[in-house]
N, C-alpha and C. Protein backbone atom coordinates (compact mmCIF):
# COMPACT_ATOMS: atom_id res chain seq x y z
N UNK A 1 0.53 -1.45 -0.28
CA UNK A 1 -0.14 -0.03 -0.01
C UNK A 1 1.19 1.49 0.29
N UNK A 2 1.04 2.73 -1.44
CA UNK A 2 0.93 3.80 -0.88
C UNK A 2 0.56 4.36 0.31
N UNK A 3 1.28 5.30 0.93
CA UNK A 3 0.71 6.16 1.97
C UNK A 3 1.32 7.66 1.47
N UNK A 4 0.18 8.05 1.88
CA UNK A 4 0.55 10.45 1.26
C UNK A 4 0.53 10.64 3.24
N UNK A 5 2.02 11.28 2.92
CA UNK A 5 2.47 12.06 4.43
C UNK A 5 2.78 13.33 4.19
N UNK A 6 2.23 14.01 4.71
CA UNK A 6 1.94 16.22 4.02
C UNK A 6 2.73 16.15 5.25
N UNK A 7 2.40 17.65 5.27
CA UNK A 7 2.99 18.36 6.20
C UNK A 7 4.70 18.22 6.79
N UNK A 8 5.70 17.65 6.41
CA UNK A 8 6.97 17.25 6.24
C UNK A 8 7.50 17.99 6.59
N UNK A 9 8.56 18.74 7.97
CA UNK A 9 9.17 19.25 7.23
C UNK A 9 10.55 19.48 6.85
N UNK A 10 11.02 20.41 6.41
CA UNK A 10 11.56 21.03 4.72
C UNK A 10 13.52 19.94 4.78
N UNK A 11 13.39 20.69 6.00
CA UNK A 11 14.74 18.80 6.42
C UNK A 11 14.39 17.91 6.45
N UNK A 12 13.29 16.97 7.07
CA UNK A 12 13.66 15.24 6.67
C UNK A 12 13.62 14.82 5.58
N UNK A 13 14.69 13.69 6.67
CA UNK A 13 14.98 13.35 4.69
C UNK A 13 14.34 11.28 4.43
N UNK A 14 14.90 10.96 3.67
CA UNK A 14 14.63 9.78 3.35
C UNK A 14 14.35 8.65 3.86
N UNK A 15 16.39 9.19 4.98
CA UNK A 15 16.86 8.10 5.79
C UNK A 15 15.28 8.55 6.88
N UNK A 16 14.84 9.39 6.90
CA UNK A 16 14.32 9.88 8.74
C UNK A 16 12.70 8.88 8.94
N UNK A 17 12.40 9.42 7.62
CA UNK A 17 11.44 8.64 7.02
C UNK A 17 11.00 7.42 7.09
N UNK A 18 12.35 6.62 6.08
CA UNK A 18 12.13 5.01 6.23
C UNK A 18 11.93 4.73 7.71
N UNK A 19 13.48 4.86 8.19
CA UNK A 19 13.33 4.84 10.04
C UNK A 19 12.37 4.90 11.07
N UNK A 20 11.05 5.98 10.19
CA UNK A 20 9.78 6.04 11.13
C UNK A 20 8.48 4.91 10.59
N UNK A 21 8.95 4.80 9.48
CA UNK A 21 8.25 3.69 8.98
C UNK A 21 8.33 2.65 9.66
N UNK A 22 9.72 2.28 9.55
CA UNK A 22 9.91 0.51 9.51
C UNK A 22 9.74 0.23 11.10
N UNK A 23 9.10 0.90 12.04
CA UNK A 23 9.03 0.59 14.17
C UNK A 23 7.53 -0.52 13.26
N UNK A 24 6.60 0.06 12.02
CA UNK A 24 5.07 -0.75 12.02
C UNK A 24 5.27 -1.61 11.22
N UNK A 25 6.51 -1.87 10.23
CA UNK A 25 7.04 -3.10 9.49
C UNK A 25 7.43 -2.83 7.86
N UNK A 26 7.48 -3.75 6.68
CA UNK A 26 8.50 -3.22 6.08
C UNK A 26 8.36 -2.13 5.06
N UNK A 27 9.10 -1.60 4.83
CA UNK A 27 8.76 -1.10 4.24
C UNK A 27 9.75 -1.01 2.53
N UNK A 28 8.86 -0.88 1.53
CA UNK A 28 8.95 -0.33 0.47
C UNK A 28 10.17 0.18 -0.59
N UNK A 29 9.81 1.26 -0.29
CA UNK A 29 10.60 2.74 -0.86
C UNK A 29 9.46 3.62 0.56
N UNK A 30 10.96 4.65 -0.22
CA UNK A 30 10.56 5.84 0.22
C UNK A 30 10.99 6.92 -0.59
N UNK A 31 9.38 7.96 -0.49
CA UNK A 31 10.68 9.25 -1.63
C UNK A 31 10.16 10.36 -1.15
N UNK A 32 10.87 11.50 -1.57
CA UNK A 32 9.67 12.48 -0.81
C UNK A 32 10.24 13.24 -1.50
N UNK A 33 8.53 13.76 -1.77
CA UNK A 33 8.39 15.14 -3.73
C UNK A 33 9.52 16.27 -3.70
N UNK A 34 10.61 17.27 -4.68
CA UNK A 34 11.61 17.60 -4.16
C UNK A 34 10.93 18.44 -5.63
N UNK A 35 11.63 19.56 -5.18
CA UNK A 35 11.39 20.39 -6.68
C UNK A 35 11.89 20.10 -7.49
N UNK A 36 11.23 20.51 -8.95
CA UNK A 36 12.71 20.00 -9.99
C UNK A 36 13.72 21.29 -10.18
N UNK A 37 13.54 22.15 -9.27
CA UNK A 37 14.51 23.50 -9.63
C UNK A 37 15.57 23.66 -9.25
N UNK A 38 15.10 23.99 -7.85
CA UNK A 38 15.93 23.62 -6.31
C UNK A 38 15.95 23.07 -5.37
N UNK A 39 15.16 21.28 -5.90
CA UNK A 39 15.64 19.95 -5.06
C UNK A 39 15.29 20.07 -3.86
N UNK A 40 14.62 20.96 -3.46
CA UNK A 40 14.46 21.21 -1.89
C UNK A 40 12.74 20.37 -1.84
N UNK A 41 12.93 20.13 -0.72
CA UNK A 41 11.21 19.00 -0.67
C UNK A 41 10.34 20.66 -0.60
N UNK A 42 9.29 19.35 -1.03
CA UNK A 42 8.02 20.47 -0.95
C UNK A 42 6.90 19.81 0.68
N UNK A 43 7.44 19.50 1.00
CA UNK A 43 6.71 18.54 2.67
C UNK A 43 5.75 17.72 2.03
N UNK A 44 6.18 16.73 1.26
CA UNK A 44 4.99 15.59 1.89
C UNK A 44 5.93 14.53 0.40
N UNK A 45 5.29 13.39 0.44
CA UNK A 45 6.64 11.87 0.14
C UNK A 45 5.10 11.36 0.97
N UNK A 46 5.69 10.39 1.06
CA UNK A 46 4.83 8.75 -0.09
C UNK A 46 6.14 7.95 0.81
N UNK A 47 4.83 6.43 1.08
CA UNK A 47 5.62 5.87 1.79
C UNK A 47 4.90 4.60 1.32
N UNK A 48 5.71 3.33 0.58
CA UNK A 48 5.48 1.46 0.06
C UNK A 48 5.42 1.14 1.34
N UNK A 49 4.38 0.13 2.05
CA UNK A 49 4.71 -1.05 2.46
C UNK A 49 4.08 -1.53 1.80
N UNK A 50 4.77 -2.96 2.18
CA UNK A 50 4.11 -4.49 1.43
C UNK A 50 3.08 -5.17 2.19
N UNK A 51 3.55 -4.78 2.72
CA UNK A 51 1.38 -4.92 3.37
C UNK A 51 0.72 -4.02 3.22
N UNK A 52 -0.95 -4.43 3.04
CA UNK A 52 -1.77 -2.74 3.80
C UNK A 52 -1.98 -3.70 5.77
N UNK A 53 -1.67 -4.72 6.30
CA UNK A 53 -1.97 -4.14 7.93
C UNK A 53 -1.17 -3.72 7.57
N UNK A 54 0.06 -3.44 7.89
CA UNK A 54 1.00 -3.05 8.20
C UNK A 54 1.37 -1.56 7.88
N UNK A 55 0.69 -1.21 6.71
CA UNK A 55 0.62 0.41 6.34
C UNK A 55 -0.79 1.25 6.97
N UNK A 56 -1.67 -0.05 7.36
CA UNK A 56 -3.00 0.47 7.95
C UNK A 56 -2.41 0.81 9.58
N UNK A 57 -1.22 0.09 10.03
CA UNK A 57 -0.90 0.56 11.15
C UNK A 57 -0.45 1.61 11.10
N UNK A 58 0.80 2.17 10.69
CA UNK A 58 1.09 2.92 10.55
C UNK A 58 -0.01 4.09 10.13
N UNK A 59 -0.55 4.63 9.90
CA UNK A 59 -1.35 5.20 9.20
C UNK A 59 -1.98 5.00 10.37
N UNK A 60 -2.46 5.08 11.06
CA UNK A 60 -3.53 4.44 12.45
C UNK A 60 -2.70 5.29 13.15
N UNK A 61 -0.91 4.50 13.61
CA UNK A 61 0.05 5.55 14.63
C UNK A 61 0.14 7.10 14.40
N UNK A 62 0.72 7.19 13.24
CA UNK A 62 1.37 8.78 13.07
C UNK A 62 1.29 9.58 12.47
N UNK A 63 -0.55 9.44 11.99
CA UNK A 63 -1.39 10.38 10.90
C UNK A 63 -1.81 11.58 12.97
N UNK A 64 -0.92 12.60 12.76
CA UNK A 64 -1.09 13.76 14.02
C UNK A 64 0.02 13.48 14.57
N UNK A 65 1.00 12.54 14.23
CA UNK A 65 2.62 12.75 15.68
C UNK A 65 3.41 14.17 14.77
N UNK A 66 2.81 13.86 16.23
CA UNK A 66 4.56 15.48 16.10
C UNK A 66 5.86 15.64 15.50
N UNK A 67 6.31 15.38 14.83
CA UNK A 67 7.87 15.33 14.52
C UNK A 67 8.57 16.47 14.00
N UNK A 68 10.17 16.98 14.33
CA UNK A 68 10.70 18.51 14.23
C UNK A 68 9.57 18.96 14.38
N UNK A 69 8.81 19.80 14.71
CA UNK A 69 7.07 20.47 15.00
C UNK A 69 6.63 20.49 14.17
N UNK A 70 6.91 19.55 14.37
CA UNK A 70 5.35 19.81 12.35
C UNK A 70 4.44 18.17 12.84
N UNK A 71 3.20 18.43 12.63
CA UNK A 71 1.39 16.89 13.04
C UNK A 71 2.19 16.98 11.66
N UNK A 72 2.20 15.41 11.20
CA UNK A 72 1.62 14.72 9.73
C UNK A 72 1.11 14.63 9.47
N UNK A 73 0.53 14.42 8.55
CA UNK A 73 -0.79 14.37 8.09
C UNK A 73 -0.48 12.74 6.67
N UNK A 74 -1.01 11.23 7.55
CA UNK A 74 -0.74 10.28 7.16
C UNK A 74 -1.69 9.84 6.67
N UNK A 75 -2.60 9.55 5.16
CA UNK A 75 -3.19 8.52 5.22
C UNK A 75 -2.80 7.63 3.92
N UNK A 76 -3.83 7.08 3.58
CA UNK A 76 -3.68 6.37 1.78
C UNK A 76 -4.09 7.27 1.47
N UNK A 77 -2.49 6.65 0.49
CA UNK A 77 -2.94 7.76 -1.54
C UNK A 77 -3.61 6.77 -2.02
N UNK A 78 -4.11 8.03 -2.91
CA UNK A 78 -4.98 7.66 -3.98
C UNK A 78 -4.31 8.08 -5.62
N UNK A 79 -4.52 7.11 -6.36
CA UNK A 79 -4.99 8.08 -7.54
C UNK A 79 -4.56 9.13 -8.95
N UNK A 80 -3.41 9.31 -8.76
CA UNK A 80 -4.40 10.64 -10.19
C UNK A 80 -4.71 10.10 -10.62
N UNK A 81 -6.06 11.79 -10.89
CA UNK A 81 -7.06 11.09 -11.57
C UNK A 81 -7.24 12.83 -12.43
N UNK A 82 -7.18 11.69 -14.30
CA UNK A 82 -7.19 12.76 -14.76
C UNK A 82 -7.11 13.89 -15.07
N UNK A 83 -8.70 14.64 -14.20
CA UNK A 83 -8.06 15.98 -13.49
C UNK A 83 -7.23 16.63 -12.86
N UNK A 84 -6.29 15.73 -11.74
CA UNK A 84 -5.56 16.14 -11.37
C UNK A 84 -4.39 16.41 -12.07
N UNK A 85 -4.29 16.35 -13.58
CA UNK A 85 -3.50 16.15 -14.79
C UNK A 85 -3.90 17.43 -15.73
N UNK A 86 -4.74 17.46 -15.52
CA UNK A 86 -5.30 19.38 -16.25
C UNK A 86 -4.20 20.46 -15.89
N UNK A 87 -3.56 20.92 -16.78
CA UNK A 87 -2.52 23.02 -16.33
C UNK A 87 -3.52 22.90 -15.79
N UNK A 88 -3.50 24.31 -14.64
CA UNK A 88 -4.23 25.91 -14.20
C UNK A 88 -4.96 26.32 -15.06
N UNK A 89 -5.62 26.60 -15.30
CA UNK A 89 -6.38 27.49 -15.65
C UNK A 89 -6.77 29.06 -14.94
N UNK A 90 -6.08 30.20 -15.75
CA UNK A 90 -6.01 31.50 -14.61
C UNK A 90 -6.71 32.94 -15.53
N UNK A 91 -7.16 33.52 -15.29
CA UNK A 91 -8.32 34.31 -15.64
C UNK A 91 -7.97 35.67 -15.09
C-alpha cells in the first residue's frame, strides 16, 4: 500500500522517514517530493509498505504525530485522476 505523508519539515530526509515507518513493518520504498529546480523538499512524500495491514497500522499510529515541530498528515495515497493532470487555468 502506498501512503501519503504530508506536512513534513523541509529538513526531513528519506532515511528518517524510512526509520519512522519501519517500526510498523517492512518498507518497500520512500520518496520525498522535491522541487525540480531547487531540489528543495516540497514538504510531502510517499512511503510504500509491503502489506496493507502494516500500512494501516502505520497510518493509524503516525497520523497527527508531531515530528520536528510539525504534525504529520498520514493517510492512504490516492491515485491521480485525469483532472489532477490538467494544467491550471488562470483568468
